[in-house]
């Protein structure tokens, strides 16, 4: 049985920690970014995760952020179409920055308590 390759660009295998945010960056979670191409990526989560159709993806190791549209999804992974975030896409209001910092602190605490000893 032959499968049809639908990607327009060659993908590279990756293993990068990333962060998905949505709901005006009020909600977010950690993920692993895999199979990266210039216009898309596969993201994998630790467990079953509901996702909105539009989200932002931050890749700290690259120092870059992307806007993602979910193209397909399964229980613990999703395929994204990506485009770089533009300055006008990012809410830099003081309230937004406070929410982002609170979310990062909450995620760090959750990670600390969820980690095995």
C-alpha atoms as a PDB file:
ATOM      1  CA  UNK A   1       0.000   0.000   0.000  1.00  0.00           C
ATOM      2  CA  UNK A   2       1.427   3.368  -1.000  1.00  0.00           C
ATOM      3  CA  UNK A   3       0.791   6.517   1.021  1.00  0.00           C
ATOM      4  CA  UNK A   4       0.560   9.950  -0.512  1.00  0.00           C
ATOM      5  CA  UNK A   5       2.931  12.585   0.840  1.00  0.00           C
ATOM      6  CA  UNK A   6       0.984  15.830   1.266  1.00  0.00           C
ATOM      7  CA  UNK A   7       3.754  18.021   2.670  1.00  0.00           C
ATOM      8  CA  UNK A   8       5.102  20.772   0.429  1.00  0.00           C
ATOM      9  CA  UNK A   9       8.466  20.896   2.213  1.00  0.00           C
ATOM     10  CA  UNK A  10      10.905  18.351   3.487  1.00  0.00           C
ATOM     11  CA  UNK A  11      10.703  17.891   7.238  1.00  0.00           C
ATOM     12  CA  UNK A  12      13.515  17.483   9.734  1.00  0.00           C
ATOM     13  CA  UNK A  13      13.362  15.333  12.817  1.00  0.00           C
ATOM     14  CA  UNK A  14      13.473  17.503  15.941  1.00  0.00           C
ATOM     15  CA  UNK A  15      13.230  16.982  19.675  1.00  0.00           C
ATOM     16  CA  UNK A  16      12.667  20.451  21.124  1.00  0.00           C
ATOM     17  CA  UNK A  17      10.841  21.537  24.242  1.00  0.00           C
ATOM     18  CA  UNK A  18       8.182  24.117  23.398  1.00  0.00           C
ATOM     19  CA  UNK A  19       5.229  25.892  24.947  1.00  0.00           C
ATOM     20  CA  UNK A  20       1.751  26.240  23.465  1.00  0.00           C
ATOM     21  CA  UNK A  21      -0.321  29.245  24.569  1.00  0.00           C
ATOM     22  CA  UNK A  22      -3.829  30.309  23.627  1.00  0.00           C
ATOM     23  CA  UNK A  23      -6.789  32.261  24.969  1.00  0.00           C
ATOM     24  CA  UNK A  24      -4.779  35.500  24.681  1.00  0.00           C
ATOM     25  CA  UNK A  25      -1.888  33.708  26.394  1.00  0.00           C
ATOM     26  CA  UNK A  26      -3.974  33.080  29.527  1.00  0.00           C
ATOM     27  CA  UNK A  27      -3.797  29.310  28.990  1.00  0.00           C
ATOM     28  CA  UNK A  28      -0.878  27.174  28.017  1.00  0.00           C
ATOM     29  CA  UNK A  29       1.026  23.926  28.336  1.00  0.00           C
ATOM     30  CA  UNK A  30       4.396  22.387  27.588  1.00  0.00           C
ATOM     31  CA  UNK A  31       4.904  20.141  24.594  1.00  0.00           C
ATOM     32  CA  UNK A  32       7.587  18.531  22.462  1.00  0.00           C
ATOM     33  CA  UNK A  33       8.073  19.785  18.909  1.00  0.00           C
ATOM     34  CA  UNK A  34       8.870  17.091  16.321  1.00  0.00           C
ATOM     35  CA  UNK A  35       9.118  16.725  12.531  1.00  0.00           C
ATOM     36  CA  UNK A  36       9.766  20.394  11.781  1.00  0.00           C
ATOM     37  CA  UNK A  37       9.467  22.019   8.348  1.00  0.00           C
ATOM     38  CA  UNK A  38       9.636  25.753   7.535  1.00  0.00           C
ATOM     39  CA  UNK A  39       5.842  25.992   7.491  1.00  0.00           C
ATOM     40  CA  UNK A  40       4.750  23.290   9.937  1.00  0.00           C
ATOM     41  CA  UNK A  41       5.511  20.973  12.818  1.00  0.00           C
ATOM     42  CA  UNK A  42       4.268  18.023  14.802  1.00  0.00           C
ATOM     43  CA  UNK A  43       3.748  18.737  18.510  1.00  0.00           C
ATOM     44  CA  UNK A  44       3.384  15.993  21.116  1.00  0.00           C
ATOM     45  CA  UNK A  45       1.958  16.263  24.637  1.00  0.00           C
ATOM     46  CA  UNK A  46       2.513  14.131  27.729  1.00  0.00           C
ATOM     47  CA  UNK A  47      -1.132  13.050  27.714  1.00  0.00           C
ATOM     48  CA  UNK A  48      -4.504  13.662  26.101  1.00  0.00           C
ATOM     49  CA  UNK A  49      -4.843  17.391  25.418  1.00  0.00           C
ATOM     50  CA  UNK A  50      -7.692  19.417  23.930  1.00  0.00           C
ATOM     51  CA  UNK A  51      -6.451  22.262  21.728  1.00  0.00           C
ATOM     52  CA  UNK A  52      -8.101  25.257  20.087  1.00  0.00           C
ATOM     53  CA  UNK A  53      -7.837  25.642  16.304  1.00  0.00           C
ATOM     54  CA  UNK A  54      -5.478  28.658  16.638  1.00  0.00           C
ATOM     55  CA  UNK A  55      -2.565  28.928  19.090  1.00  0.00           C
ATOM     56  CA  UNK A  56       0.912  30.355  19.627  1.00  0.00           C
ATOM     57  CA  UNK A  57       3.999  28.159  19.878  1.00  0.00           C
ATOM     58  CA  UNK A  58       7.139  29.371  21.690  1.00  0.00           C
ATOM     59  CA  UNK A  59      10.414  27.507  21.096  1.00  0.00           C
ATOM     60  CA  UNK A  60      12.873  28.795  23.743  1.00  0.00           C
ATOM     61  CA  UNK A  61      15.846  26.888  22.303  1.00  0.00           C
ATOM     62  CA  UNK A  62      15.441  28.803  19.045  1.00  0.00           C
ATOM     63  CA  UNK A  63      14.335  32.048  20.700  1.00  0.00           C
ATOM     64  CA  UNK A  64      11.374  32.174  18.297  1.00  0.00           C
ATOM     65  CA  UNK A  65       7.592  32.203  18.449  1.00  0.00           C
ATOM     66  CA  UNK A  66       5.050  31.121  15.846  1.00  0.00           C
ATOM     67  CA  UNK A  67       1.339  31.382  15.260  1.00  0.00           C
ATOM     68  CA  UNK A  68      -0.061  27.914  14.603  1.00  0.00           C
ATOM     69  CA  UNK A  69      -3.203  26.604  12.979  1.00  0.00           C
ATOM     70  CA  UNK A  70      -4.106  23.022  13.862  1.00  0.00           C
ATOM     71  CA  UNK A  71      -4.297  21.014  10.631  1.00  0.00           C
ATOM     72  CA  UNK A  72      -4.949  17.636  12.259  1.00  0.00           C
ATOM     73  CA  UNK A  73      -5.059  16.275  15.805  1.00  0.00           C
ATOM     74  CA  UNK A  74      -5.169  13.025  17.746  1.00  0.00           C
ATOM     75  CA  UNK A  75      -5.269  12.298  21.470  1.00  0.00           C
ATOM     76  CA  UNK A  76      -1.747  13.437  22.408  1.00  0.00           C
ATOM     77  CA  UNK A  77      -0.401  15.131  19.251  1.00  0.00           C
ATOM     78  CA  UNK A  78      -1.249  17.663  16.579  1.00  0.00           C
ATOM     79  CA  UNK A  79       0.048  18.813  13.221  1.00  0.00           C
ATOM     80  CA  UNK A  80       0.417  22.582  12.900  1.00  0.00           C
ATOM     81  CA  UNK A  81       0.737  24.977  10.001  1.00  0.00           C
ATOM     82  CA  UNK A  82       3.125  27.669  11.293  1.00  0.00           C
ATOM     83  CA  UNK A  83       3.928  31.278  10.509  1.00  0.00           C
ATOM     84  CA  UNK A  84       6.316  33.519  12.473  1.00  0.00           C
ATOM     85  CA  UNK A  85       4.631  35.839  14.954  1.00  0.00           C
ATOM     86  CA  UNK A  86       4.710  39.458  13.865  1.00  0.00           C
ATOM     87  CA  UNK A  87       5.081  42.322  16.391  1.00  0.00           C
ATOM     88  CA  UNK A  88       1.422  43.283  15.893  1.00  0.00           C
ATOM     89  CA  UNK A  89       0.382  39.710  16.847  1.00  0.00           C
ATOM     90  CA  UNK A  90       1.823  40.023  20.356  1.00  0.00           C
ATOM     91  CA  UNK A  91      -0.136  41.757  23.102  1.00  0.00           C
ATOM     92  CA  UNK A  92       2.448  43.729  25.116  1.00  0.00           C
ATOM     93  CA  UNK A  93       0.017  45.486  27.414  1.00  0.00           C
ATOM     94  CA  UNK A  94       0.966  45.473  31.132  1.00  0.00           C
ATOM     95  CA  UNK A  95      -2.063  43.280  31.919  1.00  0.00           C
ATOM     96  CA  UNK A  96      -1.016  40.720  29.299  1.00  0.00           C
ATOM     97  CA  UNK A  97       2.561  40.654  30.588  1.00  0.00           C
ATOM     98  CA  UNK A  98       1.304  40.091  34.156  1.00  0.00           C
ATOM     99  CA  UNK A  99      -0.897  37.189  32.971  1.00  0.00           C
ATOM    100  CA  UNK A 100       2.026  35.625  31.096  1.00  0.00           C
ATOM    101  CA  UNK A 101       4.315  35.839  34.119  1.00  0.00           C
ATOM    102  CA  UNK A 102       1.645  34.350  36.401  1.00  0.00           C
ATOM    103  CA  UNK A 103       1.112  31.506  33.935  1.00  0.00           C
ATOM    104  CA  UNK A 104       4.851  30.768  33.820  1.00  0.00           C
ATOM    105  CA  UNK A 105       5.061  30.742  37.628  1.00  0.00           C
ATOM    106  CA  UNK A 106       2.058  28.421  37.849  1.00  0.00           C
ATOM    107  CA  UNK A 107       3.550  26.080  35.245  1.00  0.00           C
ATOM    108  CA  UNK A 108       6.911  26.025  37.059  1.00  0.00           C
ATOM    109  CA  UNK A 109       5.210  25.167  40.352  1.00  0.00           C
ATOM    110  CA  UNK A 110       3.113  22.454  38.733  1.00  0.00           C
ATOM    111  CA  UNK A 111       6.234  21.001  37.112  1.00  0.00           C
ATOM    112  CA  UNK A 112       8.074  21.007  40.432  1.00  0.00           C
ATOM    113  CA  UNK A 113       5.252  19.153  42.216  1.00  0.00           C
ATOM    114  CA  UNK A 114       4.637  16.727  39.343  1.00  0.00           C
ATOM    115  CA  UNK A 115       8.302  15.708  39.020  1.00  0.00           C
ATOM    116  CA  UNK A 116       9.320  12.423  40.641  1.00  0.00           C
ATOM    117  CA  UNK A 117      11.637  12.731  43.621  1.00  0.00           C
END
